[in-house]
């Protein structure tokens, strides 16, 4: 088929497929879309005043929490003594996380130390954290370390959003942990869905049966997860300067016990 013929078809709004296989795949996607609930919430967008560039975790959490996204109790420490005071207020055990706009992936640099049980362990963890980051990249300057209360284990979800140059604002949801890469268990959602539609999308994941209880496990707080995802969509709609925002992982607890986002990262223009 000459290229100018294809261009003419597309200009006229007629889809062109080079093979029957491509055409049938397109029909499959259309039929799947017809089965999805794309009801919009009509909720107002949420605008955040953001700096440009990478917004590190501690700052991202300060910006996102007032919008209704739940995080563990935490505070930024710039010295070991300050970290000890924060830990005393939070109560042990705590987590220590390196904080810098230059360090998007803290775990890769040994910048996260969990299960710190007392003052002596915290002092050792503080020195180890800074040494780990320096060994990873001596050019990284840390703002300090986030001292955060350790929460209970739960089911991990990946939740993120981005202003895609081709698709516009979209939200990504999926199951986290090791299965995220093994199963590619994710859904891409518009940013203005109702909470009910979001809950339906979560249940449509490959592992969606886990959300309502499976083989004796408790049903999870899907409504709380859907509410957070809806808020994230409203933030993206109201703050077009956001390129990406990640809440990874979002921990979902049994029904009635809510959710908590353990991490947050924002990239803005």
C-alpha atoms as a PDB file:
ATOM      1  CA  UNK A   1       0.000   0.000   0.000  1.00  0.00           C
ATOM      2  CA  UNK A   2       1.608   3.331  -1.017  1.00  0.00           C
ATOM      3  CA  UNK A   3       2.387   5.599   1.924  1.00  0.00           C
ATOM      4  CA  UNK A   4       0.326   8.454   0.485  1.00  0.00           C
ATOM      5  CA  UNK A   5      -2.764   6.194   0.353  1.00  0.00           C
ATOM      6  CA  UNK A   6      -2.302   5.266   4.020  1.00  0.00           C
ATOM      7  CA  UNK A   7      -1.880   8.939   4.945  1.00  0.00           C
ATOM      8  CA  UNK A   8      -5.097   9.760   3.065  1.00  0.00           C
ATOM      9  CA  UNK A   9      -7.022   7.055   4.899  1.00  0.00           C
ATOM     10  CA  UNK A  10      -5.837   8.259   8.278  1.00  0.00           C
ATOM     11  CA  UNK A  11      -6.622  11.863   7.411  1.00  0.00           C
ATOM     12  CA  UNK A  12     -10.157  10.752   6.612  1.00  0.00           C
ATOM     13  CA  UNK A  13     -10.398   8.983   9.998  1.00  0.00           C
ATOM     14  CA  UNK A  14     -10.238   5.475   8.523  1.00  0.00           C
ATOM     15  CA  UNK A  15      -8.020   3.042  10.460  1.00  0.00           C
ATOM     16  CA  UNK A  16      -5.474   1.130   8.382  1.00  0.00           C
ATOM     17  CA  UNK A  17      -4.001  -2.220   9.425  1.00  0.00           C
ATOM     18  CA  UNK A  18      -1.276  -3.921   7.369  1.00  0.00           C
ATOM     19  CA  UNK A  19      -2.431  -7.444   8.355  1.00  0.00           C
ATOM     20  CA  UNK A  20      -5.651  -9.161   9.511  1.00  0.00           C
ATOM     21  CA  UNK A  21      -3.875 -10.053  12.754  1.00  0.00           C
ATOM     22  CA  UNK A  22      -3.366  -6.359  13.579  1.00  0.00           C
ATOM     23  CA  UNK A  23      -7.028  -5.634  12.807  1.00  0.00           C
ATOM     24  CA  UNK A  24      -8.276  -8.422  15.072  1.00  0.00           C
ATOM     25  CA  UNK A  25      -5.978  -7.288  17.887  1.00  0.00           C
ATOM     26  CA  UNK A  26      -7.421  -3.789  17.577  1.00  0.00           C
ATOM     27  CA  UNK A  27     -10.969  -5.221  17.771  1.00  0.00           C
ATOM     28  CA  UNK A  28      -9.963  -7.188  20.874  1.00  0.00           C
ATOM     29  CA  UNK A  29      -8.784  -3.996  22.592  1.00  0.00           C
ATOM     30  CA  UNK A  30     -12.003  -2.218  21.625  1.00  0.00           C
ATOM     31  CA  UNK A  31     -14.132  -5.037  23.051  1.00  0.00           C
ATOM     32  CA  UNK A  32     -12.152  -4.978  26.296  1.00  0.00           C
ATOM     33  CA  UNK A  33     -12.610  -1.234  26.534  1.00  0.00           C
ATOM     34  CA  UNK A  34     -16.365  -1.633  26.076  1.00  0.00           C
ATOM     35  CA  UNK A  35     -16.439  -3.849  29.165  1.00  0.00           C
ATOM     36  CA  UNK A  36     -14.656  -1.292  31.358  1.00  0.00           C
ATOM     37  CA  UNK A  37     -16.366   1.307  33.534  1.00  0.00           C
ATOM     38  CA  UNK A  38     -15.142   4.754  32.551  1.00  0.00           C
ATOM     39  CA  UNK A  39     -17.622   6.727  34.661  1.00  0.00           C
ATOM     40  CA  UNK A  40     -16.087  10.045  35.668  1.00  0.00           C
ATOM     41  CA  UNK A  41     -16.196  11.398  39.193  1.00  0.00           C
ATOM     42  CA  UNK A  42     -16.651  15.091  38.465  1.00  0.00           C
ATOM     43  CA  UNK A  43     -14.454  15.819  41.495  1.00  0.00           C
ATOM     44  CA  UNK A  44     -12.449  19.041  41.440  1.00  0.00           C
ATOM     45  CA  UNK A  45      -8.770  18.810  40.416  1.00  0.00           C
ATOM     46  CA  UNK A  46      -6.204  19.387  43.171  1.00  0.00           C
ATOM     47  CA  UNK A  47      -3.443  21.882  42.504  1.00  0.00           C
ATOM     48  CA  UNK A  48      -0.045  21.630  44.192  1.00  0.00           C
ATOM     49  CA  UNK A  49       2.622  24.326  44.139  1.00  0.00           C
ATOM     50  CA  UNK A  50       5.736  22.415  43.146  1.00  0.00           C
ATOM     51  CA  UNK A  51       9.368  23.250  42.494  1.00  0.00           C
ATOM     52  CA  UNK A  52      10.822  22.032  39.209  1.00  0.00           C
ATOM     53  CA  UNK A  53      12.916  18.879  39.057  1.00  0.00           C
ATOM     54  CA  UNK A  54      12.935  15.930  41.436  1.00  0.00           C
ATOM     55  CA  UNK A  55      11.055  16.476  44.687  1.00  0.00           C
ATOM     56  CA  UNK A  56      12.578  14.113  47.277  1.00  0.00           C
ATOM     57  CA  UNK A  57      10.507  11.852  49.470  1.00  0.00           C
ATOM     58  CA  UNK A  58      10.279  13.945  52.636  1.00  0.00           C
ATOM     59  CA  UNK A  59       9.161  17.029  50.691  1.00  0.00           C
ATOM     60  CA  UNK A  60       6.827  15.075  48.402  1.00  0.00           C
ATOM     61  CA  UNK A  61       5.081  13.636  51.456  1.00  0.00           C
ATOM     62  CA  UNK A  62       4.631  17.094  52.963  1.00  0.00           C
ATOM     63  CA  UNK A  63       2.978  18.220  49.724  1.00  0.00           C
ATOM     64  CA  UNK A  64       0.796  15.149  49.162  1.00  0.00           C
ATOM     65  CA  UNK A  65      -0.405  14.453  52.721  1.00  0.00           C
ATOM     66  CA  UNK A  66      -2.748  17.495  52.964  1.00  0.00           C
ATOM     67  CA  UNK A  67      -4.515  16.262  49.816  1.00  0.00           C
ATOM     68  CA  UNK A  68      -5.503  13.096  51.676  1.00  0.00           C
ATOM     69  CA  UNK A  69      -2.765  10.584  50.905  1.00  0.00           C
ATOM     70  CA  UNK A  70      -1.810   8.696  54.095  1.00  0.00           C
ATOM     71  CA  UNK A  71       1.845   8.177  55.023  1.00  0.00           C
ATOM     72  CA  UNK A  72       3.606   6.763  58.119  1.00  0.00           C
ATOM     73  CA  UNK A  73       4.622   9.294  60.742  1.00  0.00           C
ATOM     74  CA  UNK A  74       8.072  10.656  59.974  1.00  0.00           C
ATOM     75  CA  UNK A  75      10.380  13.662  60.174  1.00  0.00           C
ATOM     76  CA  UNK A  76      13.591  14.769  58.505  1.00  0.00           C
ATOM     77  CA  UNK A  77      16.775  14.650  60.589  1.00  0.00           C
ATOM     78  CA  UNK A  78      19.975  16.471  59.706  1.00  0.00           C
ATOM     79  CA  UNK A  79      22.062  14.999  62.528  1.00  0.00           C
ATOM     80  CA  UNK A  80      22.288  11.757  64.457  1.00  0.00           C
ATOM     81  CA  UNK A  81      21.140  13.534  67.612  1.00  0.00           C
ATOM     82  CA  UNK A  82      18.079  14.909  65.877  1.00  0.00           C
ATOM     83  CA  UNK A  83      17.329  11.448  64.473  1.00  0.00           C
ATOM     84  CA  UNK A  84      17.442  10.031  68.006  1.00  0.00           C
ATOM     85  CA  UNK A  85      14.951  12.656  69.240  1.00  0.00           C
ATOM     86  CA  UNK A  86      12.577  11.937  66.355  1.00  0.00           C
ATOM     87  CA  UNK A  87      12.805   8.184  66.974  1.00  0.00           C
ATOM     88  CA  UNK A  88      11.993   8.732  70.648  1.00  0.00           C
ATOM     89  CA  UNK A  89       8.820  10.585  69.632  1.00  0.00           C
ATOM     90  CA  UNK A  90       7.820   7.993  67.025  1.00  0.00           C
ATOM     91  CA  UNK A  91       8.756   4.936  69.048  1.00  0.00           C
ATOM     92  CA  UNK A  92      10.966   2.077  67.860  1.00  0.00           C
ATOM     93  CA  UNK A  93      11.312   0.289  65.497  1.00  0.00           C
ATOM     94  CA  UNK A  94      12.001   2.909  62.837  1.00  0.00           C
ATOM     95  CA  UNK A  95      13.282   3.133  59.272  1.00  0.00           C
ATOM     96  CA  UNK A  96      16.077   5.451  58.121  1.00  0.00           C
ATOM     97  CA  UNK A  97      15.992   6.756  54.536  1.00  0.00           C
ATOM     98  CA  UNK A  98      18.550   8.923  52.736  1.00  0.00           C
ATOM     99  CA  UNK A  99      17.021  12.101  51.281  1.00  0.00           C
ATOM    100  CA  UNK A 100      18.257  13.970  48.219  1.00  0.00           C
ATOM    101  CA  UNK A 101      16.881  15.188  44.906  1.00  0.00           C
ATOM    102  CA  UNK A 102      19.942  13.501  43.399  1.00  0.00           C
ATOM    103  CA  UNK A 103      18.906  10.086  44.751  1.00  0.00           C
ATOM    104  CA  UNK A 104      15.678   8.890  43.165  1.00  0.00           C
ATOM    105  CA  UNK A 105      16.311   5.200  43.912  1.00  0.00           C
ATOM    106  CA  UNK A 106      17.505   5.072  47.497  1.00  0.00           C
ATOM    107  CA  UNK A 107      17.639   1.283  47.810  1.00  0.00           C
ATOM    108  CA  UNK A 108      20.153   1.010  44.955  1.00  0.00           C
ATOM    109  CA  UNK A 109      22.563   3.106  46.994  1.00  0.00           C
ATOM    110  CA  UNK A 110      21.998   1.362  50.318  1.00  0.00           C
ATOM    111  CA  UNK A 111      20.018   4.422  51.352  1.00  0.00           C
ATOM    112  CA  UNK A 112      17.272   2.581  53.264  1.00  0.00           C
ATOM    113  CA  UNK A 113      17.844   0.803  56.579  1.00  0.00           C
ATOM    114  CA  UNK A 114      14.866  -0.892  58.228  1.00  0.00           C
ATOM    115  CA  UNK A 115      14.151  -2.513  61.579  1.00  0.00           C
ATOM    116  CA  UNK A 116      16.174  -0.104  63.720  1.00  0.00           C
ATOM    117  CA  UNK A 117      15.278  -1.153  67.245  1.00  0.00           C
ATOM    118  CA  UNK A 118      17.044   1.233  69.656  1.00  0.00           C
ATOM    119  CA  UNK A 119      19.310   4.284  70.031  1.00  0.00           C
ATOM    120  CA  UNK A 120      22.554   2.358  69.545  1.00  0.00           C
ATOM    121  CA  UNK A 121      21.274   0.709  66.389  1.00  0.00           C
ATOM    122  CA  UNK A 122      20.109   4.101  65.119  1.00  0.00           C
ATOM    123  CA  UNK A 123      23.526   5.668  65.649  1.00  0.00           C
ATOM    124  CA  UNK A 124      25.201   2.820  63.754  1.00  0.00           C
ATOM    125  CA  UNK A 125      22.577   2.977  60.998  1.00  0.00           C
ATOM    126  CA  UNK A 126      23.091   6.738  60.600  1.00  0.00           C
ATOM    127  CA  UNK A 127      26.829   6.293  59.942  1.00  0.00           C
ATOM    128  CA  UNK A 128      26.236   3.307  57.660  1.00  0.00           C
ATOM    129  CA  UNK A 129      23.584   5.130  55.642  1.00  0.00           C
ATOM    130  CA  UNK A 130      25.835   8.091  54.831  1.00  0.00           C
ATOM    131  CA  UNK A 131      28.771   5.775  54.104  1.00  0.00           C
ATOM    132  CA  UNK A 132      26.643   3.680  51.732  1.00  0.00           C
ATOM    133  CA  UNK A 133      25.530   6.706  49.732  1.00  0.00           C
ATOM    134  CA  UNK A 134      29.059   8.138  49.580  1.00  0.00           C
ATOM    135  CA  UNK A 135      30.386   4.803  48.308  1.00  0.00           C
ATOM    136  CA  UNK A 136      27.609   4.671  45.703  1.00  0.00           C
ATOM    137  CA  UNK A 137      28.242   8.222  44.447  1.00  0.00           C
ATOM    138  CA  UNK A 138      30.468  10.666  46.291  1.00  0.00           C
ATOM    139  CA  UNK A 139      28.865  13.544  44.389  1.00  0.00           C
ATOM    140  CA  UNK A 140      25.457  13.098  46.035  1.00  0.00           C
ATOM    141  CA  UNK A 141      24.671  15.695  48.668  1.00  0.00           C
ATOM    142  CA  UNK A 142      22.081  14.568  51.210  1.00  0.00           C
ATOM    143  CA  UNK A 143      19.494  16.900  52.739  1.00  0.00           C
ATOM    144  CA  UNK A 144      19.447  14.541  55.697  1.00  0.00           C
ATOM    145  CA  UNK A 145      17.676  11.299  56.518  1.00  0.00           C
ATOM    146  CA  UNK A 146      13.992  10.626  57.002  1.00  0.00           C
ATOM    147  CA  UNK A 147      13.229   8.859  60.283  1.00  0.00           C
ATOM    148  CA  UNK A 148       9.969   6.982  59.829  1.00  0.00           C
ATOM    149  CA  UNK A 149       7.832   4.690  61.963  1.00  0.00           C
ATOM    150  CA  UNK A 150       7.767   1.096  60.734  1.00  0.00           C
ATOM    151  CA  UNK A 151       4.309  -0.088  59.807  1.00  0.00           C
ATOM    152  CA  UNK A 152       2.687  -3.487  59.688  1.00  0.00           C
ATOM    153  CA  UNK A 153       3.078  -5.706  56.658  1.00  0.00           C
ATOM    154  CA  UNK A 154       0.267  -5.789  54.129  1.00  0.00           C
ATOM    155  CA  UNK A 155      -0.416  -6.313  50.439  1.00  0.00           C
ATOM    156  CA  UNK A 156       1.703  -4.121  48.161  1.00  0.00           C
ATOM    157  CA  UNK A 157       0.276  -2.165  45.270  1.00  0.00           C
ATOM    158  CA  UNK A 158       2.204  -0.044  42.779  1.00  0.00           C
ATOM    159  CA  UNK A 159       0.515   3.312  42.252  1.00  0.00           C
ATOM    160  CA  UNK A 160       1.908   6.000  39.999  1.00  0.00           C
ATOM    161  CA  UNK A 161       0.823   8.668  37.550  1.00  0.00           C
ATOM    162  CA  UNK A 162       2.346  10.651  34.732  1.00  0.00           C
ATOM    163  CA  UNK A 163       1.588  13.210  32.085  1.00  0.00           C
ATOM    164  CA  UNK A 164       2.418  11.099  29.065  1.00  0.00           C
ATOM    165  CA  UNK A 165       3.375  13.104  25.956  1.00  0.00           C
ATOM    166  CA  UNK A 166       1.152  10.884  23.786  1.00  0.00           C
ATOM    167  CA  UNK A 167      -1.640   9.782  26.099  1.00  0.00           C
ATOM    168  CA  UNK A 168      -1.928  12.745  28.454  1.00  0.00           C
ATOM    169  CA  UNK A 169      -2.473  12.255  32.193  1.00  0.00           C
ATOM    170  CA  UNK A 170      -2.767   8.595  33.207  1.00  0.00           C
ATOM    171  CA  UNK A 171      -2.639   6.609  36.439  1.00  0.00           C
ATOM    172  CA  UNK A 172      -0.924   3.233  36.712  1.00  0.00           C
ATOM    173  CA  UNK A 173      -2.032   0.660  39.291  1.00  0.00           C
ATOM    174  CA  UNK A 174      -0.859  -2.883  39.872  1.00  0.00           C
ATOM    175  CA  UNK A 175       0.329  -5.411  42.376  1.00  0.00           C
ATOM    176  CA  UNK A 176       3.772  -4.769  43.789  1.00  0.00           C
ATOM    177  CA  UNK A 177       6.539  -6.939  45.151  1.00  0.00           C
ATOM    178  CA  UNK A 178       8.371  -9.485  43.016  1.00  0.00           C
ATOM    179  CA  UNK A 179       5.257 -10.260  40.979  1.00  0.00           C
ATOM    180  CA  UNK A 180       5.221  -6.755  39.491  1.00  0.00           C
ATOM    181  CA  UNK A 181       7.997  -7.611  37.046  1.00  0.00           C
ATOM    182  CA  UNK A 182       7.121 -11.296  36.673  1.00  0.00           C
ATOM    183  CA  UNK A 183       3.450 -10.902  35.772  1.00  0.00           C
ATOM    184  CA  UNK A 184       3.286  -7.290  34.507  1.00  0.00           C
ATOM    185  CA  UNK A 185       0.047  -7.093  36.475  1.00  0.00           C
ATOM    186  CA  UNK A 186      -0.919  -3.470  35.862  1.00  0.00           C
ATOM    187  CA  UNK A 187      -3.797  -1.318  34.593  1.00  0.00           C
ATOM    188  CA  UNK A 188      -3.621   2.154  33.038  1.00  0.00           C
ATOM    189  CA  UNK A 189      -6.508   4.396  34.074  1.00  0.00           C
ATOM    190  CA  UNK A 190      -7.856   7.829  33.199  1.00  0.00           C
ATOM    191  CA  UNK A 191      -7.357  10.363  35.984  1.00  0.00           C
ATOM    192  CA  UNK A 192     -11.027  11.229  36.548  1.00  0.00           C
ATOM    193  CA  UNK A 193     -12.661   7.871  37.288  1.00  0.00           C
ATOM    194  CA  UNK A 194     -15.117   7.342  40.115  1.00  0.00           C
ATOM    195  CA  UNK A 195     -13.854   5.449  43.149  1.00  0.00           C
ATOM    196  CA  UNK A 196     -16.236   2.613  42.224  1.00  0.00           C
ATOM    197  CA  UNK A 197     -14.748   2.370  38.724  1.00  0.00           C
ATOM    198  CA  UNK A 198     -11.227   2.356  40.178  1.00  0.00           C
ATOM    199  CA  UNK A 199     -12.173  -0.452  42.574  1.00  0.00           C
ATOM    200  CA  UNK A 200     -13.480  -2.441  39.578  1.00  0.00           C
ATOM    201  CA  UNK A 201     -10.179  -1.884  37.770  1.00  0.00           C
ATOM    202  CA  UNK A 202      -8.237  -3.143  40.776  1.00  0.00           C
ATOM    203  CA  UNK A 203     -10.354  -6.286  40.881  1.00  0.00           C
ATOM    204  CA  UNK A 204      -9.685  -6.781  37.141  1.00  0.00           C
ATOM    205  CA  UNK A 205      -5.954  -7.258  37.807  1.00  0.00           C
ATOM    206  CA  UNK A 206      -4.619 -10.771  37.314  1.00  0.00           C
ATOM    207  CA  UNK A 207      -4.284 -11.137  41.074  1.00  0.00           C
ATOM    208  CA  UNK A 208      -7.493  -9.243  41.785  1.00  0.00           C
ATOM    209  CA  UNK A 209      -9.009 -12.191  43.664  1.00  0.00           C
ATOM    210  CA  UNK A 210      -6.548 -11.472  46.488  1.00  0.00           C
ATOM    211  CA  UNK A 211      -8.320  -8.192  47.206  1.00  0.00           C
ATOM    212  CA  UNK A 212     -11.572  -9.794  48.348  1.00  0.00           C
ATOM    213  CA  UNK A 213      -9.991 -12.637  50.277  1.00  0.00           C
ATOM    214  CA  UNK A 214      -8.536 -15.803  48.825  1.00  0.00           C
ATOM    215  CA  UNK A 215      -8.274 -19.197  50.489  1.00  0.00           C
ATOM    216  CA  UNK A 216      -8.922 -17.851  53.933  1.00  0.00           C
ATOM    217  CA  UNK A 217      -6.987 -14.598  53.664  1.00  0.00           C
ATOM    218  CA  UNK A 218      -8.901 -11.492  54.791  1.00  0.00           C
ATOM    219  CA  UNK A 219     -10.630  -9.191  52.328  1.00  0.00           C
ATOM    220  CA  UNK A 220      -8.600  -6.015  51.810  1.00  0.00           C
ATOM    221  CA  UNK A 221      -9.599  -2.356  52.036  1.00  0.00           C
ATOM    222  CA  UNK A 222     -10.182  -1.860  48.311  1.00  0.00           C
ATOM    223  CA  UNK A 223     -12.294   1.251  48.915  1.00  0.00           C
ATOM    224  CA  UNK A 224      -9.438   2.972  50.760  1.00  0.00           C
ATOM    225  CA  UNK A 225      -7.006   2.090  47.954  1.00  0.00           C
ATOM    226  CA  UNK A 226      -9.448   3.392  45.325  1.00  0.00           C
ATOM    227  CA  UNK A 227      -9.857   6.651  47.254  1.00  0.00           C
ATOM    228  CA  UNK A 228      -6.085   7.266  47.274  1.00  0.00           C
ATOM    229  CA  UNK A 229      -5.807   6.456  43.563  1.00  0.00           C
ATOM    230  CA  UNK A 230      -8.644   8.874  42.838  1.00  0.00           C
ATOM    231  CA  UNK A 231      -6.882  11.624  44.811  1.00  0.00           C
ATOM    232  CA  UNK A 232      -3.688  11.014  42.860  1.00  0.00           C
ATOM    233  CA  UNK A 233      -5.610  11.406  39.599  1.00  0.00           C
ATOM    234  CA  UNK A 234      -7.129  14.683  40.797  1.00  0.00           C
ATOM    235  CA  UNK A 235      -3.650  15.939  41.697  1.00  0.00           C
ATOM    236  CA  UNK A 236      -2.353  15.118  38.232  1.00  0.00           C
ATOM    237  CA  UNK A 237      -5.308  16.870  36.570  1.00  0.00           C
ATOM    238  CA  UNK A 238      -4.847  19.941  38.746  1.00  0.00           C
ATOM    239  CA  UNK A 239      -1.054  20.128  38.498  1.00  0.00           C
ATOM    240  CA  UNK A 240      -0.028  19.813  34.844  1.00  0.00           C
ATOM    241  CA  UNK A 241       3.605  20.580  35.742  1.00  0.00           C
ATOM    242  CA  UNK A 242       3.886  17.061  37.197  1.00  0.00           C
ATOM    243  CA  UNK A 243       5.712  14.721  34.861  1.00  0.00           C
ATOM    244  CA  UNK A 244       5.638  11.718  37.165  1.00  0.00           C
ATOM    245  CA  UNK A 245       4.537  10.898  40.698  1.00  0.00           C
ATOM    246  CA  UNK A 246       5.008   7.537  42.395  1.00  0.00           C
ATOM    247  CA  UNK A 247       3.564   6.056  45.568  1.00  0.00           C
ATOM    248  CA  UNK A 248       5.457   2.814  45.681  1.00  0.00           C
ATOM    249  CA  UNK A 249       4.479   0.734  47.458  1.00  0.00           C
ATOM    250  CA  UNK A 250       0.955   1.496  48.643  1.00  0.00           C
ATOM    251  CA  UNK A 251       0.285  -0.976  51.459  1.00  0.00           C
ATOM    252  CA  UNK A 252      -3.300  -2.225  51.648  1.00  0.00           C
ATOM    253  CA  UNK A 253      -4.549  -3.601  54.963  1.00  0.00           C
ATOM    254  CA  UNK A 254      -7.619  -5.733  55.749  1.00  0.00           C
ATOM    255  CA  UNK A 255     -11.001  -4.143  55.131  1.00  0.00           C
ATOM    256  CA  UNK A 256     -11.665  -1.208  57.434  1.00  0.00           C
ATOM    257  CA  UNK A 257      -7.985  -0.693  58.290  1.00  0.00           C
ATOM    258  CA  UNK A 258      -7.065   1.550  55.372  1.00  0.00           C
ATOM    259  CA  UNK A 259      -3.896   1.977  53.362  1.00  0.00           C
ATOM    260  CA  UNK A 260      -0.553   3.719  53.719  1.00  0.00           C
ATOM    261  CA  UNK A 261       1.967   4.872  51.110  1.00  0.00           C
ATOM    262  CA  UNK A 262       5.511   4.037  52.194  1.00  0.00           C
ATOM    263  CA  UNK A 263       7.315   6.167  49.613  1.00  0.00           C
ATOM    264  CA  UNK A 264       6.638   9.191  47.432  1.00  0.00           C
ATOM    265  CA  UNK A 265       8.548  10.791  44.602  1.00  0.00           C
ATOM    266  CA  UNK A 266       7.565  13.654  42.301  1.00  0.00           C
ATOM    267  CA  UNK A 267       9.215  14.829  39.084  1.00  0.00           C
ATOM    268  CA  UNK A 268       7.950  18.195  37.870  1.00  0.00           C
ATOM    269  CA  UNK A 269       8.726  20.688  35.093  1.00  0.00           C
END
